């Protein structure tokens, strides 16, 4: 599973929105799409 670092993850929500260069990299470079799984983490120890 691919892992990505994001600046902030709100542990109270079940949704993270990735935009800009990160979204372009995930979709266009890595060719990930709907249904592909990834692991998000921040510098505070939160994982999604």
N, C-alpha and C. Protein backbone atom coordinates (compact mmCIF):
# COMPACT_ATOMS: atom_id res chain seq x y z
N UNK A 1 0.85 -1.17 0.00
CA UNK A 1 0.00 0.00 0.00
C UNK A 1 0.90 1.24 0.00
N UNK A 2 0.56 2.20 -0.82
CA UNK A 2 1.32 3.45 -0.89
C UNK A 2 1.07 4.30 0.34
N UNK A 3 2.12 4.99 0.80
CA UNK A 3 2.02 5.86 1.97
C UNK A 3 2.31 7.29 1.56
N UNK A 4 1.54 8.22 2.14
CA UNK A 4 1.70 9.63 1.82
C UNK A 4 1.68 10.44 3.10
N UNK A 5 2.50 11.48 3.13
CA UNK A 5 2.54 12.41 4.24
C UNK A 5 1.65 13.59 3.90
N UNK A 6 0.77 13.97 4.82
CA UNK A 6 -0.05 15.17 4.66
C UNK A 6 0.19 16.06 5.87
N UNK A 7 0.05 17.38 5.69
CA UNK A 7 0.36 18.31 6.78
C UNK A 7 -0.56 18.13 7.97
N UNK A 8 -1.85 17.97 7.71
CA UNK A 8 -2.81 17.87 8.82
C UNK A 8 -3.86 16.81 8.52
N UNK A 9 -4.16 16.02 9.51
CA UNK A 9 -5.28 15.08 9.45
C UNK A 9 -6.14 15.35 10.66
N UNK A 10 -7.40 15.65 10.43
CA UNK A 10 -8.34 15.86 11.53
C UNK A 10 -8.84 14.49 11.98
N UNK A 11 -8.45 14.04 13.17
CA UNK A 11 -8.85 12.70 13.62
C UNK A 11 -10.35 12.57 13.84
N UNK A 12 -11.08 13.68 13.87
CA UNK A 12 -12.53 13.64 14.10
C UNK A 12 -13.31 13.41 12.81
N UNK A 13 -12.65 13.38 11.66
CA UNK A 13 -13.36 13.20 10.40
C UNK A 13 -12.96 11.89 9.73
N UNK A 14 -13.75 11.48 8.77
CA UNK A 14 -13.43 10.26 8.03
C UNK A 14 -13.09 10.59 6.58
N UNK A 15 -12.68 11.84 6.34
CA UNK A 15 -12.39 12.27 4.98
C UNK A 15 -11.17 13.20 4.96
N UNK A 16 -10.29 12.96 3.99
CA UNK A 16 -9.15 13.84 3.77
C UNK A 16 -9.19 14.24 2.30
N UNK A 17 -9.07 15.52 2.02
CA UNK A 17 -9.09 16.00 0.64
C UNK A 17 -7.66 16.35 0.24
N UNK A 18 -7.21 15.74 -0.85
CA UNK A 18 -5.87 15.98 -1.36
C UNK A 18 -6.03 16.75 -2.67
N UNK A 19 -5.36 17.90 -2.75
CA UNK A 19 -5.47 18.76 -3.93
C UNK A 19 -4.09 19.12 -4.45
N UNK A 20 -4.08 19.79 -5.58
CA UNK A 20 -2.85 20.36 -6.12
C UNK A 20 -1.85 19.33 -6.60
N UNK A 21 -0.59 19.62 -6.32
CA UNK A 21 0.50 18.78 -6.81
C UNK A 21 0.42 17.35 -6.29
N UNK A 22 0.00 17.21 -5.02
CA UNK A 22 -0.11 15.87 -4.45
C UNK A 22 -1.16 15.05 -5.20
N UNK A 23 -2.30 15.66 -5.49
CA UNK A 23 -3.36 14.96 -6.22
C UNK A 23 -2.88 14.59 -7.63
N UNK A 24 -2.20 15.52 -8.28
CA UNK A 24 -1.67 15.25 -9.62
C UNK A 24 -0.70 14.06 -9.57
N UNK A 25 0.18 14.04 -8.59
CA UNK A 25 1.15 12.96 -8.47
C UNK A 25 0.46 11.61 -8.27
N UNK A 26 -0.53 11.58 -7.39
CA UNK A 26 -1.23 10.33 -7.09
C UNK A 26 -1.97 9.81 -8.32
N UNK A 27 -2.68 10.70 -9.01
CA UNK A 27 -3.53 10.28 -10.14
C UNK A 27 -2.74 10.11 -11.43
N UNK A 28 -1.89 11.06 -11.77
CA UNK A 28 -1.23 11.05 -13.08
C UNK A 28 0.09 10.31 -13.10
N UNK A 29 0.89 10.47 -12.06
CA UNK A 29 2.21 9.83 -12.04
C UNK A 29 2.11 8.39 -11.55
N UNK A 30 1.46 8.19 -10.41
CA UNK A 30 1.33 6.84 -9.86
C UNK A 30 0.18 6.06 -10.47
N UNK A 31 -0.69 6.76 -11.20
CA UNK A 31 -1.84 6.16 -11.88
C UNK A 31 -2.77 5.42 -10.93
N UNK A 32 -2.96 6.02 -9.77
CA UNK A 32 -3.91 5.46 -8.82
C UNK A 32 -5.30 5.98 -9.18
N UNK A 33 -6.29 5.20 -8.89
CA UNK A 33 -7.65 5.59 -9.24
C UNK A 33 -8.64 5.16 -8.17
N UNK A 34 -9.89 5.32 -8.50
CA UNK A 34 -10.96 4.96 -7.58
C UNK A 34 -10.82 3.50 -7.16
N UNK A 35 -10.89 3.26 -5.88
CA UNK A 35 -10.79 1.91 -5.35
C UNK A 35 -9.39 1.52 -4.91
N UNK A 36 -8.37 2.27 -5.37
CA UNK A 36 -7.00 2.00 -4.93
C UNK A 36 -6.85 2.47 -3.49
N UNK A 37 -6.09 1.72 -2.72
CA UNK A 37 -5.92 2.04 -1.31
C UNK A 37 -4.60 2.75 -1.09
N UNK A 38 -4.62 3.68 -0.15
CA UNK A 38 -3.39 4.36 0.25
C UNK A 38 -3.46 4.66 1.74
N UNK A 39 -2.31 4.95 2.31
CA UNK A 39 -2.19 5.20 3.74
C UNK A 39 -1.70 6.62 3.91
N UNK A 40 -2.43 7.44 4.68
CA UNK A 40 -2.04 8.83 4.93
C UNK A 40 -1.57 8.97 6.36
N UNK A 41 -0.56 9.80 6.58
CA UNK A 41 -0.07 10.06 7.93
C UNK A 41 0.39 11.50 8.04
N UNK A 42 0.37 12.02 9.25
CA UNK A 42 0.87 13.38 9.49
C UNK A 42 1.97 13.32 10.54
N UNK A 43 2.53 14.45 10.87
CA UNK A 43 3.62 14.51 11.83
C UNK A 43 3.18 14.41 13.27
N UNK A 44 1.88 14.30 13.51
CA UNK A 44 1.33 14.22 14.86
C UNK A 44 0.99 12.79 15.27
N UNK A 45 1.25 11.83 14.42
CA UNK A 45 0.95 10.45 14.73
C UNK A 45 -0.42 9.98 14.30
N UNK A 46 -1.16 10.84 13.59
CA UNK A 46 -2.47 10.43 13.08
C UNK A 46 -2.29 9.68 11.77
N UNK A 47 -3.07 8.64 11.61
CA UNK A 47 -3.05 7.83 10.39
C UNK A 47 -4.46 7.74 9.85
N UNK A 48 -4.56 7.61 8.54
CA UNK A 48 -5.87 7.54 7.91
C UNK A 48 -5.82 6.49 6.83
